[in-house]
């Protein structure tokens, strides 16, 4: 017995239970609805003829389709269960008006993160590199803790002026990747009340040049 005949025999044996079930259902349908006539479409007749003439090729095609379906299902499962990006919520507090006192103390610009955002080597530094104000203002940046970054100015904030906080791409640890965001904000005047500005960030490509927040 050659290979083609063996494959045909195996397929016939595998299909026999389905043929018996089909015959039983056909009799039931005949008893309930009477005789129905149906002619198969041309593509089905040609497929049946091609399967009979080339069973090995046909079986190979069916196996390839099954493998493709399994690969598609596995890819979808991987896509749904891939590692989720980490989102960090950033809160920029408005700079209050400087109090008129004998010894002036200039208020700080405070930026708070919902998750740890400081590099370990930067937490105890007295002056940070990689973050700056635009336009520049004399002062220094420090971490109060791993979730609280603040700017301590050495001169008073100009009234009614918009500032941008610009972060270099290596300022944060690798797991903190922020989108470049702009929030229009001016230093409030005496008549304005203190309010908070909340920004939700999302991940972007790690090779982004910089991340910006405006205060």
C-alpha atoms as a PDB file:
ATOM      1  CA  UNK A   1       0.000   0.000   0.000  1.00  0.00           C
ATOM      2  CA  UNK A   2       1.500   3.364  -1.057  1.00  0.00           C
ATOM      3  CA  UNK A   3       1.483   6.524   1.041  1.00  0.00           C
ATOM      4  CA  UNK A   4      -1.418   8.206  -0.752  1.00  0.00           C
ATOM      5  CA  UNK A   5      -3.664   5.200  -0.321  1.00  0.00           C
ATOM      6  CA  UNK A   6      -2.711   4.940   3.353  1.00  0.00           C
ATOM      7  CA  UNK A   7      -3.544   8.604   3.969  1.00  0.00           C
ATOM      8  CA  UNK A   8      -6.849   8.242   2.138  1.00  0.00           C
ATOM      9  CA  UNK A   9      -7.736   5.198   4.249  1.00  0.00           C
ATOM     10  CA  UNK A  10      -6.889   6.973   7.489  1.00  0.00           C
ATOM     11  CA  UNK A  11      -8.991   9.976   6.527  1.00  0.00           C
ATOM     12  CA  UNK A  12     -11.910   7.760   5.615  1.00  0.00           C
ATOM     13  CA  UNK A  13     -11.742   6.004   8.983  1.00  0.00           C
ATOM     14  CA  UNK A  14     -11.523   9.348  10.784  1.00  0.00           C
ATOM     15  CA  UNK A  15     -14.514  10.699   8.887  1.00  0.00           C
ATOM     16  CA  UNK A  16     -16.669   7.582   9.371  1.00  0.00           C
ATOM     17  CA  UNK A  17     -18.214   8.654  12.750  1.00  0.00           C
ATOM     18  CA  UNK A  18     -19.136  12.026  11.266  1.00  0.00           C
ATOM     19  CA  UNK A  19     -20.701  10.358   8.237  1.00  0.00           C
ATOM     20  CA  UNK A  20     -22.770   8.143  10.501  1.00  0.00           C
ATOM     21  CA  UNK A  21     -23.885  11.151  12.532  1.00  0.00           C
ATOM     22  CA  UNK A  22     -24.728  13.037   9.351  1.00  0.00           C
ATOM     23  CA  UNK A  23     -26.761  10.085   8.085  1.00  0.00           C
ATOM     24  CA  UNK A  24     -28.704   9.938  11.361  1.00  0.00           C
ATOM     25  CA  UNK A  25     -29.412  13.675  11.327  1.00  0.00           C
ATOM     26  CA  UNK A  26     -30.404  13.459   7.689  1.00  0.00           C
ATOM     27  CA  UNK A  27     -33.013  10.817   8.498  1.00  0.00           C
ATOM     28  CA  UNK A  28     -34.355  12.891  11.355  1.00  0.00           C
ATOM     29  CA  UNK A  29     -34.606  15.967   9.140  1.00  0.00           C
ATOM     30  CA  UNK A  30     -36.276  13.904   6.413  1.00  0.00           C
ATOM     31  CA  UNK A  31     -38.860  12.675   8.892  1.00  0.00           C
ATOM     32  CA  UNK A  32     -39.565  16.208  10.171  1.00  0.00           C
ATOM     33  CA  UNK A  33     -39.320  18.385   7.063  1.00  0.00           C
ATOM     34  CA  UNK A  34     -39.540  15.995   4.137  1.00  0.00           C
ATOM     35  CA  UNK A  35     -37.064  15.669   1.284  1.00  0.00           C
ATOM     36  CA  UNK A  36     -34.906  18.682   0.534  1.00  0.00           C
ATOM     37  CA  UNK A  37     -32.767  19.069  -2.551  1.00  0.00           C
ATOM     38  CA  UNK A  38     -29.395  20.821  -2.480  1.00  0.00           C
ATOM     39  CA  UNK A  39     -26.663  21.055  -5.068  1.00  0.00           C
ATOM     40  CA  UNK A  40     -23.149  21.849  -3.808  1.00  0.00           C
ATOM     41  CA  UNK A  41     -21.412  24.968  -5.142  1.00  0.00           C
ATOM     42  CA  UNK A  42     -18.794  24.597  -7.822  1.00  0.00           C
ATOM     43  CA  UNK A  43     -15.883  25.369  -5.471  1.00  0.00           C
ATOM     44  CA  UNK A  44     -16.923  22.548  -3.149  1.00  0.00           C
ATOM     45  CA  UNK A  45     -17.134  20.058  -5.982  1.00  0.00           C
ATOM     46  CA  UNK A  46     -13.733  21.137  -7.249  1.00  0.00           C
ATOM     47  CA  UNK A  47     -12.264  20.935  -3.754  1.00  0.00           C
ATOM     48  CA  UNK A  48     -13.583  17.402  -3.352  1.00  0.00           C
ATOM     49  CA  UNK A  49     -12.111  16.410  -6.704  1.00  0.00           C
ATOM     50  CA  UNK A  50      -8.772  18.021  -5.867  1.00  0.00           C
ATOM     51  CA  UNK A  51      -8.675  16.261  -2.493  1.00  0.00           C
ATOM     52  CA  UNK A  52      -9.301  12.903  -4.135  1.00  0.00           C
ATOM     53  CA  UNK A  53      -6.656  13.552  -6.778  1.00  0.00           C
ATOM     54  CA  UNK A  54      -4.002  15.019  -4.430  1.00  0.00           C
ATOM     55  CA  UNK A  55      -4.684  13.890  -0.858  1.00  0.00           C
ATOM     56  CA  UNK A  56      -1.128  14.560   0.382  1.00  0.00           C
ATOM     57  CA  UNK A  57      -1.163  18.180  -0.823  1.00  0.00           C
ATOM     58  CA  UNK A  58      -4.642  18.704   0.599  1.00  0.00           C
ATOM     59  CA  UNK A  59      -3.691  17.320   4.014  1.00  0.00           C
ATOM     60  CA  UNK A  60      -0.559  19.480   4.024  1.00  0.00           C
ATOM     61  CA  UNK A  61      -2.693  22.549   3.326  1.00  0.00           C
ATOM     62  CA  UNK A  62      -5.100  21.702   6.146  1.00  0.00           C
ATOM     63  CA  UNK A  63      -2.200  21.232   8.581  1.00  0.00           C
ATOM     64  CA  UNK A  64      -0.698  24.554   7.482  1.00  0.00           C
ATOM     65  CA  UNK A  65      -4.020  26.319   8.115  1.00  0.00           C
ATOM     66  CA  UNK A  66      -4.269  24.754  11.583  1.00  0.00           C
ATOM     67  CA  UNK A  67      -0.700  25.781  12.428  1.00  0.00           C
ATOM     68  CA  UNK A  68      -1.414  29.318  11.239  1.00  0.00           C
ATOM     69  CA  UNK A  69      -4.542  29.473  13.398  1.00  0.00           C
ATOM     70  CA  UNK A  70      -2.619  28.193  16.442  1.00  0.00           C
ATOM     71  CA  UNK A  71       0.161  30.718  15.817  1.00  0.00           C
ATOM     72  CA  UNK A  72      -2.385  33.533  15.549  1.00  0.00           C
ATOM     73  CA  UNK A  73      -4.056  32.473  18.807  1.00  0.00           C
ATOM     74  CA  UNK A  74      -0.693  32.279  20.618  1.00  0.00           C
ATOM     75  CA  UNK A  75       0.330  35.706  19.296  1.00  0.00           C
ATOM     76  CA  UNK A  76      -2.940  37.241  20.480  1.00  0.00           C
ATOM     77  CA  UNK A  77      -2.529  35.615  23.903  1.00  0.00           C
ATOM     78  CA  UNK A  78       1.020  37.001  24.175  1.00  0.00           C
ATOM     79  CA  UNK A  79      -0.146  40.464  23.120  1.00  0.00           C
ATOM     80  CA  UNK A  80      -2.885  40.501  25.758  1.00  0.00           C
ATOM     81  CA  UNK A  81      -0.508  39.342  28.539  1.00  0.00           C
ATOM     82  CA  UNK A  82       2.575  41.379  27.642  1.00  0.00           C
ATOM     83  CA  UNK A  83       4.052  43.565  30.427  1.00  0.00           C
ATOM     84  CA  UNK A  84       1.930  46.614  31.038  1.00  0.00           C
ATOM     85  CA  UNK A  85       3.616  50.041  31.038  1.00  0.00           C
ATOM     86  CA  UNK A  86       3.893  51.925  34.307  1.00  0.00           C
ATOM     87  CA  UNK A  87       1.931  55.116  34.554  1.00  0.00           C
ATOM     88  CA  UNK A  88       3.049  57.923  36.846  1.00  0.00           C
ATOM     89  CA  UNK A  89       0.851  60.776  37.964  1.00  0.00           C
ATOM     90  CA  UNK A  90       2.576  64.131  38.320  1.00  0.00           C
ATOM     91  CA  UNK A  91       1.294  67.009  40.431  1.00  0.00           C
ATOM     92  CA  UNK A  92       2.794  70.481  40.008  1.00  0.00           C
ATOM     93  CA  UNK A  93       1.892  72.843  42.804  1.00  0.00           C
ATOM     94  CA  UNK A  94       1.383  76.518  42.032  1.00  0.00           C
ATOM     95  CA  UNK A  95       4.030  78.848  43.394  1.00  0.00           C
ATOM     96  CA  UNK A  96       2.513  81.030  46.136  1.00  0.00           C
ATOM     97  CA  UNK A  97       3.076  84.751  46.543  1.00  0.00           C
ATOM     98  CA  UNK A  98       6.184  85.639  48.530  1.00  0.00           C
ATOM     99  CA  UNK A  99       5.238  86.829  52.000  1.00  0.00           C
ATOM    100  CA  UNK A 100       6.402  90.332  52.886  1.00  0.00           C
ATOM    101  CA  UNK A 101       8.538  89.691  55.948  1.00  0.00           C
ATOM    102  CA  UNK A 102      11.732  91.139  57.372  1.00  0.00           C
ATOM    103  CA  UNK A 103      13.709  88.110  56.203  1.00  0.00           C
ATOM    104  CA  UNK A 104      12.292  87.147  52.827  1.00  0.00           C
ATOM    105  CA  UNK A 105      11.901  83.441  52.163  1.00  0.00           C
ATOM    106  CA  UNK A 106      11.203  82.699  48.546  1.00  0.00           C
ATOM    107  CA  UNK A 107       8.621  79.919  48.033  1.00  0.00           C
ATOM    108  CA  UNK A 108       9.627  76.673  46.366  1.00  0.00           C
ATOM    109  CA  UNK A 109       8.251  75.080  43.230  1.00  0.00           C
ATOM    110  CA  UNK A 110       7.095  71.582  44.245  1.00  0.00           C
ATOM    111  CA  UNK A 111       6.582  68.646  41.900  1.00  0.00           C
ATOM    112  CA  UNK A 112       5.144  65.449  43.341  1.00  0.00           C
ATOM    113  CA  UNK A 113       5.035  62.000  41.721  1.00  0.00           C
ATOM    114  CA  UNK A 114       2.629  59.165  42.467  1.00  0.00           C
ATOM    115  CA  UNK A 115       5.495  56.640  42.320  1.00  0.00           C
ATOM    116  CA  UNK A 116       9.188  56.640  43.107  1.00  0.00           C
ATOM    117  CA  UNK A 117      10.862  58.782  40.427  1.00  0.00           C
ATOM    118  CA  UNK A 118      14.304  59.628  41.859  1.00  0.00           C
ATOM    119  CA  UNK A 119      17.543  57.899  40.996  1.00  0.00           C
ATOM    120  CA  UNK A 120      19.228  56.430  44.066  1.00  0.00           C
ATOM    121  CA  UNK A 121      22.429  58.366  43.433  1.00  0.00           C
ATOM    122  CA  UNK A 122      20.495  61.674  43.242  1.00  0.00           C
ATOM    123  CA  UNK A 123      18.434  61.469  46.425  1.00  0.00           C
ATOM    124  CA  UNK A 124      21.079  62.995  48.719  1.00  0.00           C
ATOM    125  CA  UNK A 125      22.565  65.515  46.296  1.00  0.00           C
ATOM    126  CA  UNK A 126      22.396  69.180  47.292  1.00  0.00           C
ATOM    127  CA  UNK A 127      22.096  70.355  43.677  1.00  0.00           C
ATOM    128  CA  UNK A 128      20.679  68.254  40.852  1.00  0.00           C
ATOM    129  CA  UNK A 129      21.713  68.232  37.215  1.00  0.00           C
ATOM    130  CA  UNK A 130      19.424  67.341  34.319  1.00  0.00           C
ATOM    131  CA  UNK A 131      16.471  69.556  35.225  1.00  0.00           C
ATOM    132  CA  UNK A 132      16.113  73.277  34.613  1.00  0.00           C
ATOM    133  CA  UNK A 133      13.659  76.143  34.350  1.00  0.00           C
ATOM    134  CA  UNK A 134      12.871  78.044  31.192  1.00  0.00           C
ATOM    135  CA  UNK A 135      13.283  80.986  31.460  1.00  0.00           C
ATOM    136  CA  UNK A 136      16.123  80.456  33.938  1.00  0.00           C
ATOM    137  CA  UNK A 137      15.833  81.508  37.571  1.00  0.00           C
ATOM    138  CA  UNK A 138      18.650  81.431  40.127  1.00  0.00           C
ATOM    139  CA  UNK A 139      18.322  78.514  42.531  1.00  0.00           C
ATOM    140  CA  UNK A 140      18.808  74.775  42.809  1.00  0.00           C
ATOM    141  CA  UNK A 141      16.823  71.550  42.459  1.00  0.00           C
ATOM    142  CA  UNK A 142      16.651  68.941  45.218  1.00  0.00           C
ATOM    143  CA  UNK A 143      14.772  65.783  46.098  1.00  0.00           C
ATOM    144  CA  UNK A 144      12.845  65.991  49.372  1.00  0.00           C
ATOM    145  CA  UNK A 145      12.191  62.254  48.966  1.00  0.00           C
ATOM    146  CA  UNK A 146      11.890  59.835  46.064  1.00  0.00           C
ATOM    147  CA  UNK A 147       8.432  61.207  45.165  1.00  0.00           C
ATOM    148  CA  UNK A 148       8.916  64.913  45.861  1.00  0.00           C
ATOM    149  CA  UNK A 149      11.112  67.159  43.708  1.00  0.00           C
ATOM    150  CA  UNK A 150      11.375  70.870  44.437  1.00  0.00           C
ATOM    151  CA  UNK A 151      13.177  73.988  43.229  1.00  0.00           C
ATOM    152  CA  UNK A 152      14.610  76.363  45.850  1.00  0.00           C
ATOM    153  CA  UNK A 153      15.086  79.829  44.294  1.00  0.00           C
ATOM    154  CA  UNK A 154      17.603  82.346  45.536  1.00  0.00           C
ATOM    155  CA  UNK A 155      15.620  85.251  44.108  1.00  0.00           C
ATOM    156  CA  UNK A 156      11.937  86.094  44.027  1.00  0.00           C
ATOM    157  CA  UNK A 157       9.613  84.718  41.373  1.00  0.00           C
ATOM    158  CA  UNK A 158       8.511  87.336  38.821  1.00  0.00           C
ATOM    159  CA  UNK A 159       4.766  87.880  38.887  1.00  0.00           C
ATOM    160  CA  UNK A 160       2.511  86.790  36.030  1.00  0.00           C
ATOM    161  CA  UNK A 161       5.243  84.880  34.196  1.00  0.00           C
ATOM    162  CA  UNK A 162       5.069  81.383  32.711  1.00  0.00           C
ATOM    163  CA  UNK A 163       7.845  78.870  33.413  1.00  0.00           C
ATOM    164  CA  UNK A 164       8.689  75.506  31.933  1.00  0.00           C
ATOM    165  CA  UNK A 165      10.337  72.657  33.811  1.00  0.00           C
ATOM    166  CA  UNK A 166      12.561  70.720  31.388  1.00  0.00           C
ATOM    167  CA  UNK A 167      13.907  67.258  32.242  1.00  0.00           C
ATOM    168  CA  UNK A 168      16.808  65.648  30.425  1.00  0.00           C
ATOM    169  CA  UNK A 169      16.081  62.131  29.201  1.00  0.00           C
ATOM    170  CA  UNK A 170      18.458  60.559  31.746  1.00  0.00           C
ATOM    171  CA  UNK A 171      17.154  62.470  34.756  1.00  0.00           C
ATOM    172  CA  UNK A 172      14.673  59.725  35.714  1.00  0.00           C
ATOM    173  CA  UNK A 173      15.352  55.997  36.238  1.00  0.00           C
ATOM    174  CA  UNK A 174      14.732  53.761  33.197  1.00  0.00           C
ATOM    175  CA  UNK A 175      11.325  52.598  34.488  1.00  0.00           C
ATOM    176  CA  UNK A 176      10.032  56.186  34.558  1.00  0.00           C
ATOM    177  CA  UNK A 177       9.441  57.307  30.966  1.00  0.00           C
ATOM    178  CA  UNK A 178       7.391  60.468  30.621  1.00  0.00           C
ATOM    179  CA  UNK A 179       5.667  61.990  27.655  1.00  0.00           C
ATOM    180  CA  UNK A 180       6.582  65.550  26.800  1.00  0.00           C
ATOM    181  CA  UNK A 181       3.744  67.517  28.326  1.00  0.00           C
ATOM    182  CA  UNK A 182       3.023  71.236  28.448  1.00  0.00           C
ATOM    183  CA  UNK A 183       0.781  72.798  31.035  1.00  0.00           C
ATOM    184  CA  UNK A 184       0.147  76.519  30.651  1.00  0.00           C
ATOM    185  CA  UNK A 185       0.732  78.112  34.022  1.00  0.00           C
ATOM    186  CA  UNK A 186       1.807  81.542  35.159  1.00  0.00           C
ATOM    187  CA  UNK A 187       3.124  82.549  38.521  1.00  0.00           C
ATOM    188  CA  UNK A 188      -0.006  83.767  40.240  1.00  0.00           C
ATOM    189  CA  UNK A 189      -0.602  87.318  41.326  1.00  0.00           C
ATOM    190  CA  UNK A 190      -1.691  88.370  44.796  1.00  0.00           C
ATOM    191  CA  UNK A 191      -5.390  88.150  43.922  1.00  0.00           C
ATOM    192  CA  UNK A 192      -5.216  84.526  42.754  1.00  0.00           C
ATOM    193  CA  UNK A 193      -5.823  81.570  45.035  1.00  0.00           C
ATOM    194  CA  UNK A 194      -3.480  78.623  45.426  1.00  0.00           C
ATOM    195  CA  UNK A 195      -4.463  75.661  43.266  1.00  0.00           C
ATOM    196  CA  UNK A 196      -3.016  72.380  42.017  1.00  0.00           C
ATOM    197  CA  UNK A 197      -2.262  71.203  38.525  1.00  0.00           C
ATOM    198  CA  UNK A 198      -2.548  67.448  37.931  1.00  0.00           C
ATOM    199  CA  UNK A 199      -1.057  65.809  34.853  1.00  0.00           C
ATOM    200  CA  UNK A 200      -1.224  62.121  33.983  1.00  0.00           C
ATOM    201  CA  UNK A 201       1.718  60.896  31.962  1.00  0.00           C
ATOM    202  CA  UNK A 202       1.995  57.958  29.590  1.00  0.00           C
ATOM    203  CA  UNK A 203       5.035  56.056  28.219  1.00  0.00           C
ATOM    204  CA  UNK A 204       6.672  57.017  24.951  1.00  0.00           C
ATOM    205  CA  UNK A 205       9.756  55.893  23.067  1.00  0.00           C
ATOM    206  CA  UNK A 206      12.870  55.910  25.309  1.00  0.00           C
ATOM    207  CA  UNK A 207      14.829  57.924  22.734  1.00  0.00           C
ATOM    208  CA  UNK A 208      12.650  60.993  23.157  1.00  0.00           C
ATOM    209  CA  UNK A 209      14.884  64.014  23.517  1.00  0.00           C
ATOM    210  CA  UNK A 210      13.360  65.528  26.631  1.00  0.00           C
ATOM    211  CA  UNK A 211      10.250  65.684  28.827  1.00  0.00           C
ATOM    212  CA  UNK A 212       8.724  69.007  29.688  1.00  0.00           C
ATOM    213  CA  UNK A 213       6.252  70.281  32.233  1.00  0.00           C
ATOM    214  CA  UNK A 214       5.223  73.884  32.371  1.00  0.00           C
ATOM    215  CA  UNK A 215       4.509  75.567  35.598  1.00  0.00           C
END
